[in-house]
Amino acid sequence: MLQLFTTRTYQDRVDEIYKLLESDRDYSLRLFEWRMRRIHCLNLKIKQRSADMGRKEEIY
């Protein structure tokens, strides 16, 4: 049986990465791109989980 979890942990991770982007001004372009890709991947997971749970993605 498939067990669904909430997406709150993904949202927490996205928030942490945004805080890192705002606080760290001395980072390379490669690190910036990696963080933006990570945010994009986590946002996709949030959308997939919210669709699986039958909720709107705006809730998160």
PDB file of N, CA and C in Angstrom:
ATOM      1  N   MET A   1       0.846  -1.172   0.000  1.00  0.00           N
ATOM      2  CA  MET A   1       0.000   0.000   0.000  1.00  0.00           C
ATOM      3  C   MET A   1       0.894   1.239   0.000  1.00  0.00           C
ATOM      4  N   LEU A   2       0.510   2.212  -0.781  1.00  0.00           N
ATOM      5  CA  LEU A   2       1.245   3.462  -0.886  1.00  0.00           C
ATOM      6  C   LEU A   2       0.868   4.388   0.269  1.00  0.00           C
ATOM      7  N   GLN A   3       1.871   4.841   0.975  1.00  0.00           N
ATOM      8  CA  GLN A   3       1.632   5.737   2.100  1.00  0.00           C
ATOM      9  C   GLN A   3       2.068   7.143   1.705  1.00  0.00           C
ATOM     10  N   LEU A   4       1.179   8.090   1.835  1.00  0.00           N
ATOM     11  CA  LEU A   4       1.467   9.468   1.460  1.00  0.00           C
ATOM     12  C   LEU A   4       1.801  10.294   2.691  1.00  0.00           C
ATOM     13  N   PHE A   5       2.802  11.132   2.549  1.00  0.00           N
ATOM     14  CA  PHE A   5       3.220  11.998   3.639  1.00  0.00           C
ATOM     15  C   PHE A   5       2.913  13.442   3.270  1.00  0.00           C
ATOM     16  N   THR A   6       2.969  14.301   4.239  1.00  0.00           N
ATOM     17  CA  THR A   6       2.738  15.712   3.951  1.00  0.00           C
ATOM     18  C   THR A   6       3.973  16.311   3.285  1.00  0.00           C
ATOM     19  N   THR A   7       3.800  17.445   2.653  1.00  0.00           N
ATOM     20  CA  THR A   7       4.899  18.093   1.941  1.00  0.00           C
ATOM     21  C   THR A   7       5.587  19.153   2.786  1.00  0.00           C
ATOM     22  N   ARG A   8       5.291  19.205   4.030  1.00  0.00           N
ATOM     23  CA  ARG A   8       5.848  20.261   4.878  1.00  0.00           C
ATOM     24  C   ARG A   8       7.368  20.216   4.918  1.00  0.00           C
ATOM     25  N   THR A   9       7.957  19.047   4.931  1.00  0.00           N
ATOM     26  CA  THR A   9       9.413  18.960   4.971  1.00  0.00           C
ATOM     27  C   THR A   9      10.028  19.533   3.700  1.00  0.00           C
ATOM     28  N   TYR A  10       9.402  19.336   2.565  1.00  0.00           N
ATOM     29  CA  TYR A  10       9.908  19.918   1.318  1.00  0.00           C
ATOM     30  C   TYR A  10       9.850  21.444   1.381  1.00  0.00           C
ATOM     31  N   GLN A  11       8.751  21.965   1.902  1.00  0.00           N
ATOM     32  CA  GLN A  11       8.616  23.420   2.010  1.00  0.00           C
ATOM     33  C   GLN A  11       9.658  23.989   2.962  1.00  0.00           C
ATOM     34  N   ASP A  12       9.936  23.280   4.038  1.00  0.00           N
ATOM     35  CA  ASP A  12      10.981  23.725   4.970  1.00  0.00           C
ATOM     36  C   ASP A  12      12.339  23.762   4.283  1.00  0.00           C
ATOM     37  N   ARG A  13      12.619  22.765   3.461  1.00  0.00           N
ATOM     38  CA  ARG A  13      13.886  22.740   2.740  1.00  0.00           C
ATOM     39  C   ARG A  13      13.994  23.901   1.755  1.00  0.00           C
ATOM     40  N   VAL A  14      12.912  24.184   1.065  1.00  0.00           N
ATOM     41  CA  VAL A  14      12.912  25.308   0.117  1.00  0.00           C
ATOM     42  C   VAL A  14      13.158  26.611   0.861  1.00  0.00           C
ATOM     43  N   ASP A  15      12.511  26.786   1.989  1.00  0.00           N
ATOM     44  CA  ASP A  15      12.707  28.003   2.787  1.00  0.00           C
ATOM     45  C   ASP A  15      14.148  28.145   3.253  1.00  0.00           C
ATOM     46  N   GLU A  16      14.761  27.034   3.663  1.00  0.00           N
ATOM     47  CA  GLU A  16      16.154  27.075   4.104  1.00  0.00           C
ATOM     48  C   GLU A  16      17.089  27.475   2.965  1.00  0.00           C
ATOM     49  N   ILE A  17      16.841  26.937   1.782  1.00  0.00           N
ATOM     50  CA  ILE A  17      17.696  27.267   0.634  1.00  0.00           C
ATOM     51  C   ILE A  17      17.535  28.738   0.256  1.00  0.00           C
ATOM     52  N   TYR A  18      16.305  29.246   0.301  1.00  0.00           N
ATOM     53  CA  TYR A  18      16.094  30.675   0.037  1.00  0.00           C
ATOM     54  C   TYR A  18      16.827  31.547   1.058  1.00  0.00           C
ATOM     55  N   LYS A  19      16.821  31.136   2.317  1.00  0.00           N
ATOM     56  CA  LYS A  19      17.545  31.893   3.339  1.00  0.00           C
ATOM     57  C   LYS A  19      19.041  31.893   3.054  1.00  0.00           C
ATOM     58  N   LEU A  20      19.567  30.746   2.592  1.00  0.00           N
ATOM     59  CA  LEU A  20      20.982  30.681   2.231  1.00  0.00           C
ATOM     60  C   LEU A  20      21.300  31.608   1.064  1.00  0.00           C
ATOM     61  N   LEU A  21      20.397  31.650   0.089  1.00  0.00           N
ATOM     62  CA  LEU A  21      20.619  32.527  -1.061  1.00  0.00           C
ATOM     63  C   LEU A  21      20.614  33.996  -0.648  1.00  0.00           C
ATOM     64  N   GLU A  22      19.758  34.343   0.290  1.00  0.00           N
ATOM     65  CA  GLU A  22      19.687  35.731   0.732  1.00  0.00           C
ATOM     66  C   GLU A  22      20.860  36.118   1.625  1.00  0.00           C
ATOM     67  N   SER A  23      21.318  35.189   2.456  1.00  0.00           N
ATOM     68  CA  SER A  23      22.373  35.531   3.401  1.00  0.00           C
ATOM     69  C   SER A  23      23.775  35.437   2.794  1.00  0.00           C
ATOM     70  N   ASP A  24      24.013  34.453   1.943  1.00  0.00           N
ATOM     71  CA  ASP A  24      25.332  34.276   1.326  1.00  0.00           C
ATOM     72  C   ASP A  24      25.422  35.101   0.048  1.00  0.00           C
ATOM     73  N   ARG A  25      26.271  36.082   0.075  1.00  0.00           N
ATOM     74  CA  ARG A  25      26.476  36.897  -1.125  1.00  0.00           C
ATOM     75  C   ARG A  25      27.750  36.504  -1.863  1.00  0.00           C
ATOM     76  N   ASP A  26      28.648  35.795  -1.190  1.00  0.00           N
ATOM     77  CA  ASP A  26      29.918  35.401  -1.795  1.00  0.00           C
ATOM     78  C   ASP A  26      29.876  33.920  -2.170  1.00  0.00           C
ATOM     79  N   TYR A  27      29.185  33.606  -3.226  1.00  0.00           N
ATOM     80  CA  TYR A  27      29.134  32.223  -3.693  1.00  0.00           C
ATOM     81  C   TYR A  27      29.323  32.208  -5.202  1.00  0.00           C
ATOM     82  N   SER A  28      29.740  31.070  -5.686  1.00  0.00           N
ATOM     83  CA  SER A  28      30.013  30.939  -7.107  1.00  0.00           C
ATOM     84  C   SER A  28      28.719  30.742  -7.887  1.00  0.00           C
ATOM     85  N   LEU A  29      28.822  30.917  -9.166  1.00  0.00           N
ATOM     86  CA  LEU A  29      27.670  30.718 -10.042  1.00  0.00           C
ATOM     87  C   LEU A  29      27.221  29.262 -10.017  1.00  0.00           C
ATOM     88  N   ARG A  30      28.177  28.360  -9.914  1.00  0.00           N
ATOM     89  CA  ARG A  30      27.844  26.927  -9.866  1.00  0.00           C
ATOM     90  C   ARG A  30      27.012  26.609  -8.630  1.00  0.00           C
ATOM     91  N   LEU A  31      27.353  27.164  -7.480  1.00  0.00           N
ATOM     92  CA  LEU A  31      26.596  26.941  -6.256  1.00  0.00           C
ATOM     93  C   LEU A  31      25.207  27.565  -6.356  1.00  0.00           C
ATOM     94  N   PHE A  32      25.125  28.743  -6.936  1.00  0.00           N
ATOM     95  CA  PHE A  32      23.828  29.390  -7.135  1.00  0.00           C
ATOM     96  C   PHE A  32      22.932  28.538  -8.031  1.00  0.00           C
ATOM     97  N   GLU A  33      23.477  28.036  -9.134  1.00  0.00           N
ATOM     98  CA  GLU A  33      22.695  27.196 -10.045  1.00  0.00           C
ATOM     99  C   GLU A  33      22.247  25.912  -9.363  1.00  0.00           C
ATOM    100  N   TRP A  34      23.115  25.314  -8.549  1.00  0.00           N
ATOM    101  CA  TRP A  34      22.747  24.089  -7.850  1.00  0.00           C
ATOM    102  C   TRP A  34      21.594  24.347  -6.885  1.00  0.00           C
ATOM    103  N   ARG A  35      21.675  25.453  -6.162  1.00  0.00           N
ATOM    104  CA  ARG A  35      20.604  25.777  -5.216  1.00  0.00           C
ATOM    105  C   ARG A  35      19.290  26.046  -5.940  1.00  0.00           C
ATOM    106  N   MET A  36      19.343  26.732  -7.068  1.00  0.00           N
ATOM    107  CA  MET A  36      18.113  27.001  -7.815  1.00  0.00           C
ATOM    108  C   MET A  36      17.528  25.713  -8.400  1.00  0.00           C
ATOM    109  N   ARG A  37      18.374  24.810  -8.866  1.00  0.00           N
ATOM    110  CA  ARG A  37      17.885  23.514  -9.352  1.00  0.00           C
ATOM    111  C   ARG A  37      17.265  22.712  -8.222  1.00  0.00           C
ATOM    112  N   ARG A  38      17.864  22.774  -7.049  1.00  0.00           N
ATOM    113  CA  ARG A  38      17.331  22.055  -5.889  1.00  0.00           C
ATOM    114  C   ARG A  38      15.962  22.604  -5.499  1.00  0.00           C
ATOM    115  N   ILE A  39      15.819  23.907  -5.520  1.00  0.00           N
ATOM    116  CA  ILE A  39      14.514  24.520  -5.233  1.00  0.00           C
ATOM    117  C   ILE A  39      13.486  24.064  -6.260  1.00  0.00           C
ATOM    118  N   HIS A  40      13.876  24.037  -7.513  1.00  0.00           N
ATOM    119  CA  HIS A  40      12.962  23.613  -8.575  1.00  0.00           C
ATOM    120  C   HIS A  40      12.528  22.159  -8.363  1.00  0.00           C
ATOM    121  N   CYS A  41      13.461  21.281  -8.039  1.00  0.00           N
ATOM    122  CA  CYS A  41      13.130  19.871  -7.806  1.00  0.00           C
ATOM    123  C   CYS A  41      12.194  19.700  -6.613  1.00  0.00           C
ATOM    124  N   LEU A  42      12.463  20.423  -5.547  1.00  0.00           N
ATOM    125  CA  LEU A  42      11.606  20.327  -4.368  1.00  0.00           C
ATOM    126  C   LEU A  42      10.211  20.867  -4.646  1.00  0.00           C
ATOM    127  N   ASN A  43      10.114  21.938  -5.427  1.00  0.00           N
ATOM    128  CA  ASN A  43       8.798  22.468  -5.786  1.00  0.00           C
ATOM    129  C   ASN A  43       8.023  21.472  -6.643  1.00  0.00           C
ATOM    130  N   LEU A  44       8.710  20.737  -7.522  1.00  0.00           N
ATOM    131  CA  LEU A  44       8.044  19.698  -8.304  1.00  0.00           C
ATOM    132  C   LEU A  44       7.526  18.584  -7.407  1.00  0.00           C
ATOM    133  N   LYS A  45       8.302  18.219  -6.398  1.00  0.00           N
ATOM    134  CA  LYS A  45       7.846  17.190  -5.467  1.00  0.00           C
ATOM    135  C   LYS A  45       6.617  17.656  -4.691  1.00  0.00           C
ATOM    136  N   ILE A  46       6.596  18.915  -4.316  1.00  0.00           N
ATOM    137  CA  ILE A  46       5.437  19.463  -3.608  1.00  0.00           C
ATOM    138  C   ILE A  46       4.200  19.384  -4.498  1.00  0.00           C
ATOM    139  N   LYS A  47       4.350  19.762  -5.759  1.00  0.00           N
ATOM    140  CA  LYS A  47       3.214  19.705  -6.687  1.00  0.00           C
ATOM    141  C   LYS A  47       2.730  18.279  -6.889  1.00  0.00           C
ATOM    142  N   GLN A  48       3.658  17.329  -7.003  1.00  0.00           N
ATOM    143  CA  GLN A  48       3.278  15.932  -7.195  1.00  0.00           C
ATOM    144  C   GLN A  48       2.564  15.384  -5.972  1.00  0.00           C
ATOM    145  N   ARG A  49       3.075  15.687  -4.795  1.00  0.00           N
ATOM    146  CA  ARG A  49       2.441  15.197  -3.569  1.00  0.00           C
ATOM    147  C   ARG A  49       1.067  15.818  -3.367  1.00  0.00           C
ATOM    148  N   SER A  50       0.941  17.102  -3.672  1.00  0.00           N
ATOM    149  CA  SER A  50      -0.363  17.737  -3.487  1.00  0.00           C
ATOM    150  C   SER A  50      -1.367  17.176  -4.479  1.00  0.00           C
ATOM    151  N   ALA A  51      -0.917  16.839  -5.680  1.00  0.00           N
ATOM    152  CA  ALA A  51      -1.822  16.223  -6.652  1.00  0.00           C
ATOM    153  C   ALA A  51      -2.215  14.814  -6.202  1.00  0.00           C
ATOM    154  N   ASP A  52      -1.274  14.073  -5.627  1.00  0.00           N
ATOM    155  CA  ASP A  52      -1.569  12.730  -5.131  1.00  0.00           C
ATOM    156  C   ASP A  52      -2.551  12.771  -3.969  1.00  0.00           C
ATOM    157  N   MET A  53      -2.479  13.820  -3.166  1.00  0.00           N
ATOM    158  CA  MET A  53      -3.356  13.929  -2.005  1.00  0.00           C
ATOM    159  C   MET A  53      -4.686  14.590  -2.357  1.00  0.00           C
ATOM    160  N   GLY A  54      -4.832  15.036  -3.582  1.00  0.00           N
ATOM    161  CA  GLY A  54      -6.077  15.651  -4.011  1.00  0.00           C
ATOM    162  C   GLY A  54      -6.263  17.068  -3.531  1.00  0.00           C
ATOM    163  N   ARG A  55      -5.174  17.748  -3.219  1.00  0.00           N
ATOM    164  CA  ARG A  55      -5.255  19.127  -2.742  1.00  0.00           C
ATOM    165  C   ARG A  55      -4.757  20.074  -3.816  1.00  0.00           C
ATOM    166  N   LYS A  56      -5.095  21.322  -3.644  1.00  0.00           N
ATOM    167  CA  LYS A  56      -4.550  22.343  -4.529  1.00  0.00           C
ATOM    168  C   LYS A  56      -3.126  22.644  -4.109  1.00  0.00           C
ATOM    169  N   GLU A  57      -2.295  22.976  -5.069  1.00  0.00           N
ATOM    170  CA  GLU A  57      -0.897  23.257  -4.728  1.00  0.00           C
ATOM    171  C   GLU A  57      -0.719  24.585  -4.015  1.00  0.00           C
ATOM    172  N   GLU A  58      -1.731  25.448  -4.015  1.00  0.00           N
ATOM    173  CA  GLU A  58      -1.603  26.733  -3.318  1.00  0.00           C
ATOM    174  C   GLU A  58      -1.628  26.566  -1.800  1.00  0.00           C
ATOM    175  N   ILE A  59      -2.099  25.436  -1.320  1.00  0.00           N
ATOM    176  CA  ILE A  59      -2.167  25.204   0.124  1.00  0.00           C
ATOM    177  C   ILE A  59      -0.757  25.235   0.713  1.00  0.00           C
ATOM    178  N   TYR A  60       0.210  24.792  -0.042  1.00  0.00           N
ATOM    179  CA  TYR A  60       1.577  24.709   0.468  1.00  0.00           C
ATOM    180  C   TYR A  60       2.321  25.967   0.169  1.00  0.00           C
TER     181      TYR A  60
END
